[in-house]
Amino acid sequence: MASAGEAVLSREDDRLHANRDVIFKAVKAGKRVTAEKLEALKALGFDGIEGSAPGIVDFTAYRSEVEGAGLVVHGVVDNAHWKMRLSSPNPEDRSAGRQALEEAIVAAKALGGSSVLLVPGKVSGEEETHDHVWERSLSEVQGVLPLASENGIWILIETVWNGFCESPEAMRDYIDAFQSPWVGSYFDIGNMQKFAPAEEWIRILGPRIVKLDVKDWGQAAGFCKLGEGDVEWPEVRRALREIGFAGWATREGNDGGPEETARLMDELLDL
């Protein structure tokens, strides 16, 4: 016999728009925005965008343009994290990466956002092993945490194909190692399907998940249009409800235009 909790979840599975006003819909927007694109996104029901920093020249103008369209900038992607890696064997690269992260935190605050998406490093060989990525990135991010706390900005670790923490248990333990409320998970639904079902990642990472990247991926299809990969979207929705997720979900990828992306996000996330 199903428990009371399971019965509630089952009923919620049948509700249309169960996650409206719980999960907020966004797209990646990069360093530049235009009024025309922003107004189109608003008309399609998007709630906001995610910017990219360093590189936004005028924070005031960028934020004004977005808010003028009735949207918000919910955060930024650290666009230097692959090239100037916090796990690099070169101390100068690590220093440059830390400076870029600091600039991204300041940008997120100025734009009215709440987070910086960060890839903490990459396993690349004997001089940049899994242990190196763990230890070096942990040290560099810890040095930036006072700035993050002062500005009220989360540093959110994205789950990506970088050879690092490719199991949900390892990623859980890595985030916990910071012992900080300002470090959490930016869980990419499609990225980690390669290693374990997305719903398994969600349940194990639990409340560490602060924001979502929305992708689909399949063994045959690779990264693909939402709904055409191996992600079991009803199970993803169920897992997100189980952990009490509420927050931003940002589409990274192309479904053939923003109209189709809006439709698919609404359908698959029950918005």
Protein backbone atom coordinates (compact mmCIF):
# COMPACT_ATOMS: atom_id res chain seq x y z
CA MET A 1 0.00 0.00 0.00
CA ALA A 2 1.31 3.48 -0.89
CA SER A 3 2.23 5.80 1.96
CA ALA A 4 0.45 9.11 2.45
CA GLY A 5 3.50 10.93 1.09
CA GLU A 6 3.59 8.75 -2.01
CA ALA A 7 -0.12 9.34 -2.56
CA VAL A 8 0.41 13.11 -2.43
CA LEU A 9 3.26 12.89 -4.95
CA SER A 10 1.09 10.74 -7.22
CA ARG A 11 -1.71 13.32 -7.14
CA GLU A 12 0.78 16.09 -7.85
CA ASP A 13 2.02 14.14 -10.89
CA ASP A 14 -1.47 14.59 -12.36
CA ARG A 15 -1.70 18.33 -11.71
CA LEU A 16 -1.12 20.67 -14.62
CA HIS A 17 1.34 23.49 -13.93
CA ALA A 18 2.20 22.02 -10.51
CA ASN A 19 5.58 23.80 -10.53
CA ARG A 20 4.42 27.20 -11.70
CA ASP A 21 5.65 29.79 -9.20
CA VAL A 22 7.94 27.10 -7.75
CA ILE A 23 10.41 26.67 -10.61
CA PHE A 24 11.34 29.79 -12.57
CA LYS A 25 12.19 29.63 -16.25
CA ALA A 26 15.31 31.24 -17.75
CA VAL A 27 17.80 31.07 -20.62
CA LYS A 28 21.49 31.83 -20.91
CA ALA A 29 22.03 35.35 -22.26
CA GLY A 30 25.78 35.94 -22.13
CA LYS A 31 27.50 39.33 -21.98
CA ARG A 32 25.05 41.29 -24.15
CA VAL A 33 21.27 41.64 -24.30
CA THR A 34 18.86 43.44 -26.61
CA ALA A 35 15.44 44.84 -25.82
CA GLU A 36 13.91 42.92 -28.73
CA LYS A 37 15.16 39.53 -27.52
CA LEU A 38 14.23 40.25 -23.92
CA GLU A 39 10.71 41.33 -24.79
CA ALA A 40 10.26 38.14 -26.84
CA LEU A 41 11.40 36.03 -23.89
CA LYS A 42 8.97 37.79 -21.57
CA ALA A 43 6.12 37.18 -23.99
CA LEU A 44 6.96 33.46 -23.96
CA GLY A 45 6.66 33.29 -20.19
CA PHE A 46 10.31 33.36 -19.22
CA ASP A 47 11.03 34.83 -15.80
CA GLY A 48 14.65 35.81 -16.25
CA ILE A 49 18.05 35.28 -17.81
CA GLU A 50 21.52 34.26 -16.71
CA GLY A 51 24.38 36.53 -17.69
CA SER A 52 28.10 35.88 -18.17
CA ALA A 53 31.06 37.48 -16.42
CA PRO A 54 33.68 38.86 -16.51
CA GLY A 55 32.94 40.90 -19.61
CA ILE A 56 29.73 42.87 -19.07
CA VAL A 57 30.86 46.43 -19.69
CA ASP A 58 28.04 48.41 -18.05
CA PHE A 59 26.21 46.66 -15.20
CA THR A 60 23.66 49.45 -14.83
CA ALA A 61 22.70 49.44 -18.51
CA TYR A 62 22.53 45.62 -18.68
CA ARG A 63 20.35 45.36 -15.60
CA SER A 64 18.13 48.23 -16.71
CA GLU A 65 17.55 46.61 -20.10
CA VAL A 66 16.57 43.30 -18.52
CA GLU A 67 14.33 44.77 -15.84
CA GLY A 68 12.75 47.10 -18.38
CA ALA A 69 11.46 44.00 -20.17
CA GLY A 70 9.97 42.67 -16.94
CA LEU A 71 12.69 40.05 -16.39
CA VAL A 72 15.50 39.62 -13.87
CA VAL A 73 19.14 38.56 -14.03
CA HIS A 74 19.17 35.63 -11.62
CA GLY A 75 22.94 35.08 -11.79
CA VAL A 76 26.01 34.82 -13.98
CA VAL A 77 28.22 32.10 -15.42
CA ASP A 78 31.94 32.45 -14.66
CA ASN A 79 33.10 32.44 -18.28
CA ALA A 80 36.81 32.10 -17.39
CA HIS A 81 36.63 28.84 -15.45
CA TRP A 82 37.68 26.50 -18.28
CA LYS A 83 40.69 28.50 -19.47
CA MET A 84 41.93 29.87 -16.14
CA ARG A 85 41.19 26.81 -14.08
CA LEU A 86 41.23 26.82 -10.31
CA SER A 87 42.76 23.35 -10.55
CA SER A 88 45.57 24.27 -12.93
CA PRO A 89 49.10 23.13 -12.03
CA ASN A 90 50.19 26.68 -12.93
CA PRO A 91 49.79 29.00 -9.89
CA GLU A 92 49.43 32.01 -12.19
CA ASP A 93 46.45 30.40 -13.91
CA ARG A 94 44.86 29.63 -10.55
CA SER A 95 45.38 33.21 -9.42
CA ALA A 96 43.80 34.53 -12.63
CA GLY A 97 40.91 32.13 -12.20
CA ARG A 98 40.34 33.27 -8.64
CA GLN A 99 40.36 36.90 -9.75
CA ALA A 100 37.82 36.10 -12.48
CA LEU A 101 35.58 34.40 -9.90
CA GLU A 102 35.80 37.48 -7.69
CA GLU A 103 34.84 39.67 -10.64
CA ALA A 104 31.91 37.38 -11.40
CA ILE A 105 30.68 37.66 -7.79
CA VAL A 106 30.79 41.45 -7.99
CA ALA A 107 28.97 41.32 -11.34
CA ALA A 108 26.25 39.03 -10.00
CA LYS A 109 25.63 41.40 -7.10
CA ALA A 110 25.54 44.48 -9.34
CA LEU A 111 23.09 42.81 -11.73
CA GLY A 112 20.71 41.82 -8.94
CA GLY A 113 21.53 38.12 -9.15
CA SER A 114 22.12 35.54 -6.46
CA SER A 115 24.77 33.18 -7.85
CA VAL A 116 27.87 32.46 -9.90
CA LEU A 117 27.98 29.19 -11.82
CA LEU A 118 31.45 27.66 -11.49
CA VAL A 119 33.27 24.70 -13.02
CA PRO A 120 35.96 24.11 -10.37
CA GLY A 121 38.55 22.53 -12.65
CA LYS A 122 39.33 19.67 -14.98
CA VAL A 123 41.12 16.34 -14.63
CA SER A 124 43.68 16.56 -17.43
CA GLY A 125 46.61 14.31 -16.57
CA GLU A 126 49.31 13.55 -14.02
CA GLU A 127 49.72 17.21 -13.05
CA GLU A 128 45.98 17.77 -12.72
CA THR A 129 44.48 14.64 -11.19
CA HIS A 130 41.16 14.23 -9.40
CA ASP A 131 42.90 14.86 -6.07
CA HIS A 132 44.56 17.98 -7.48
CA VAL A 133 41.22 19.36 -8.70
CA TRP A 134 39.67 18.69 -5.29
CA GLU A 135 42.47 20.22 -3.23
CA ARG A 136 43.37 23.20 -5.43
CA SER A 137 39.82 24.28 -6.21
CA LEU A 138 38.76 23.85 -2.58
CA SER A 139 41.58 26.15 -1.48
CA GLU A 140 40.91 28.79 -4.14
CA VAL A 141 37.15 28.91 -3.59
CA GLN A 142 37.56 29.05 0.19
CA GLY A 143 39.67 32.16 -0.30
CA VAL A 144 36.79 33.82 -2.14
CA LEU A 145 34.05 32.84 0.31
CA PRO A 146 34.32 36.02 2.43
CA LEU A 147 33.54 38.08 -0.70
CA ALA A 148 30.66 35.77 -1.60
CA SER A 149 29.23 36.04 1.91
CA GLU A 150 29.64 39.81 2.01
CA ASN A 151 27.71 40.15 -1.25
CA GLY A 152 25.17 37.41 -0.58
CA ILE A 153 26.15 35.44 -3.69
CA TRP A 154 26.18 31.64 -3.94
CA ILE A 155 29.09 29.91 -5.65
CA LEU A 156 27.35 27.00 -7.36
CA ILE A 157 29.38 24.06 -8.65
CA GLU A 158 28.14 22.85 -12.02
CA THR A 159 28.02 19.14 -12.78
CA VAL A 160 29.89 18.76 -16.07
CA TRP A 161 32.08 16.39 -18.08
CA ASN A 162 35.39 17.45 -16.55
CA GLY A 163 36.51 14.11 -15.14
CA PHE A 164 35.72 15.32 -11.62
CA CYS A 165 33.17 13.97 -9.13
CA GLU A 166 31.31 11.94 -11.73
CA SER A 167 29.16 10.19 -9.13
CA PRO A 168 26.49 11.93 -7.05
CA GLU A 169 28.11 10.73 -3.82
CA ALA A 170 31.47 12.27 -4.76
CA MET A 171 29.87 15.59 -5.72
CA ARG A 172 27.90 15.59 -2.47
CA ASP A 173 31.06 15.08 -0.46
CA TYR A 174 32.96 17.75 -2.40
CA ILE A 175 30.29 20.38 -1.75
CA ASP A 176 30.10 19.39 1.91
CA ALA A 177 33.89 19.78 2.22
CA PHE A 178 33.49 23.56 1.92
CA GLN A 179 31.38 23.65 5.09
CA SER A 180 29.79 26.85 3.82
CA PRO A 181 26.18 27.89 3.14
CA TRP A 182 27.52 29.90 0.18
CA VAL A 183 28.60 26.84 -1.82
CA GLY A 184 26.02 24.59 -3.46
CA SER A 185 25.22 22.60 -6.57
CA TYR A 186 24.22 23.93 -9.97
CA PHE A 187 22.81 20.64 -11.17
CA ASP A 188 22.76 20.07 -14.92
CA ILE A 189 19.97 17.58 -15.62
CA GLY A 190 21.30 16.36 -18.96
CA ASN A 191 25.05 16.41 -18.28
CA MET A 192 25.04 13.75 -15.61
CA GLN A 193 22.58 11.37 -17.27
CA LYS A 194 25.68 9.78 -18.81
CA PHE A 195 26.87 8.60 -15.38
CA ALA A 196 23.64 7.90 -13.49
CA PRO A 197 19.95 8.76 -13.91
CA ALA A 198 19.27 12.43 -13.25
CA GLU A 199 16.73 11.60 -10.56
CA GLU A 200 19.36 9.62 -8.65
CA TRP A 201 21.69 12.63 -8.66
CA ILE A 202 18.85 14.87 -7.48
CA ARG A 203 17.94 12.64 -4.55
CA ILE A 204 21.54 12.26 -3.39
CA LEU A 205 22.51 15.92 -3.78
CA GLY A 206 19.21 16.91 -2.20
CA PRO A 207 19.04 20.41 -0.70
CA ARG A 208 22.55 21.17 -1.96
CA ILE A 209 20.92 21.81 -5.36
CA VAL A 210 20.26 25.53 -5.59
CA LYS A 211 19.72 25.95 -9.34
CA LEU A 212 19.23 23.77 -12.42
CA ASP A 213 20.61 23.74 -15.94
CA VAL A 214 18.04 22.18 -18.23
CA LYS A 215 19.41 19.80 -20.87
CA ASP A 216 18.64 16.39 -22.31
CA TRP A 217 21.13 13.71 -23.32
CA GLY A 218 20.92 10.17 -24.65
CA GLN A 219 23.29 7.33 -25.42
CA ALA A 220 22.18 7.47 -29.05
CA ALA A 221 21.23 11.13 -29.38
CA GLY A 222 23.98 12.88 -27.41
CA PHE A 223 22.93 16.36 -26.33
CA CYS A 224 19.61 16.94 -28.01
CA LYS A 225 16.28 18.72 -28.02
CA LEU A 226 14.51 18.53 -24.69
CA GLY A 227 12.43 15.38 -24.46
CA GLU A 228 14.39 13.46 -27.10
CA GLY A 229 17.13 12.01 -24.88
CA ASP A 230 17.25 9.48 -22.07
CA VAL A 231 16.19 11.81 -19.25
CA GLU A 232 13.03 10.49 -17.57
CA TRP A 233 11.29 13.80 -17.00
CA PRO A 234 8.41 12.50 -14.82
CA GLU A 235 11.02 10.96 -12.51
CA VAL A 236 13.00 14.21 -12.50
CA ARG A 237 9.87 16.12 -11.48
CA ARG A 238 9.12 13.60 -8.76
CA ALA A 239 12.68 13.77 -7.38
CA LEU A 240 12.65 17.57 -7.39
CA ARG A 241 9.41 17.54 -5.39
CA GLU A 242 10.86 15.02 -2.95
CA ILE A 243 13.81 17.31 -2.14
CA GLY A 244 11.58 20.39 -2.01
CA PHE A 245 13.35 22.15 -4.87
CA ALA A 246 12.24 25.70 -5.62
CA GLY A 247 14.28 28.06 -7.75
CA TRP A 248 15.70 28.78 -11.18
CA ALA A 249 15.89 26.38 -14.13
CA THR A 250 17.92 27.71 -17.07
CA ARG A 251 17.92 26.18 -20.54
CA GLU A 252 21.37 25.68 -22.02
CA GLY A 253 21.08 24.52 -25.61
CA ASN A 254 18.87 24.86 -28.66
CA ASP A 255 15.45 23.37 -29.33
CA GLY A 256 14.89 25.15 -32.62
CA GLY A 257 14.01 28.54 -31.19
CA PRO A 258 12.87 30.14 -27.93
CA GLU A 259 9.21 29.36 -28.64
CA GLU A 260 9.91 25.63 -28.68
CA THR A 261 12.18 25.88 -25.65
CA ALA A 262 9.44 27.66 -23.70
CA ARG A 263 6.87 25.04 -24.68
CA LEU A 264 9.12 22.12 -23.78
CA MET A 265 10.24 23.57 -20.47
CA ASP A 266 6.61 24.20 -19.52
CA GLU A 267 5.66 20.65 -20.47
CA LEU A 268 8.63 18.75 -19.05
CA LEU A 269 8.99 20.73 -15.81
CA ASP A 270 5.23 21.21 -15.39
CA LEU A 271 5.41 25.00 -15.39
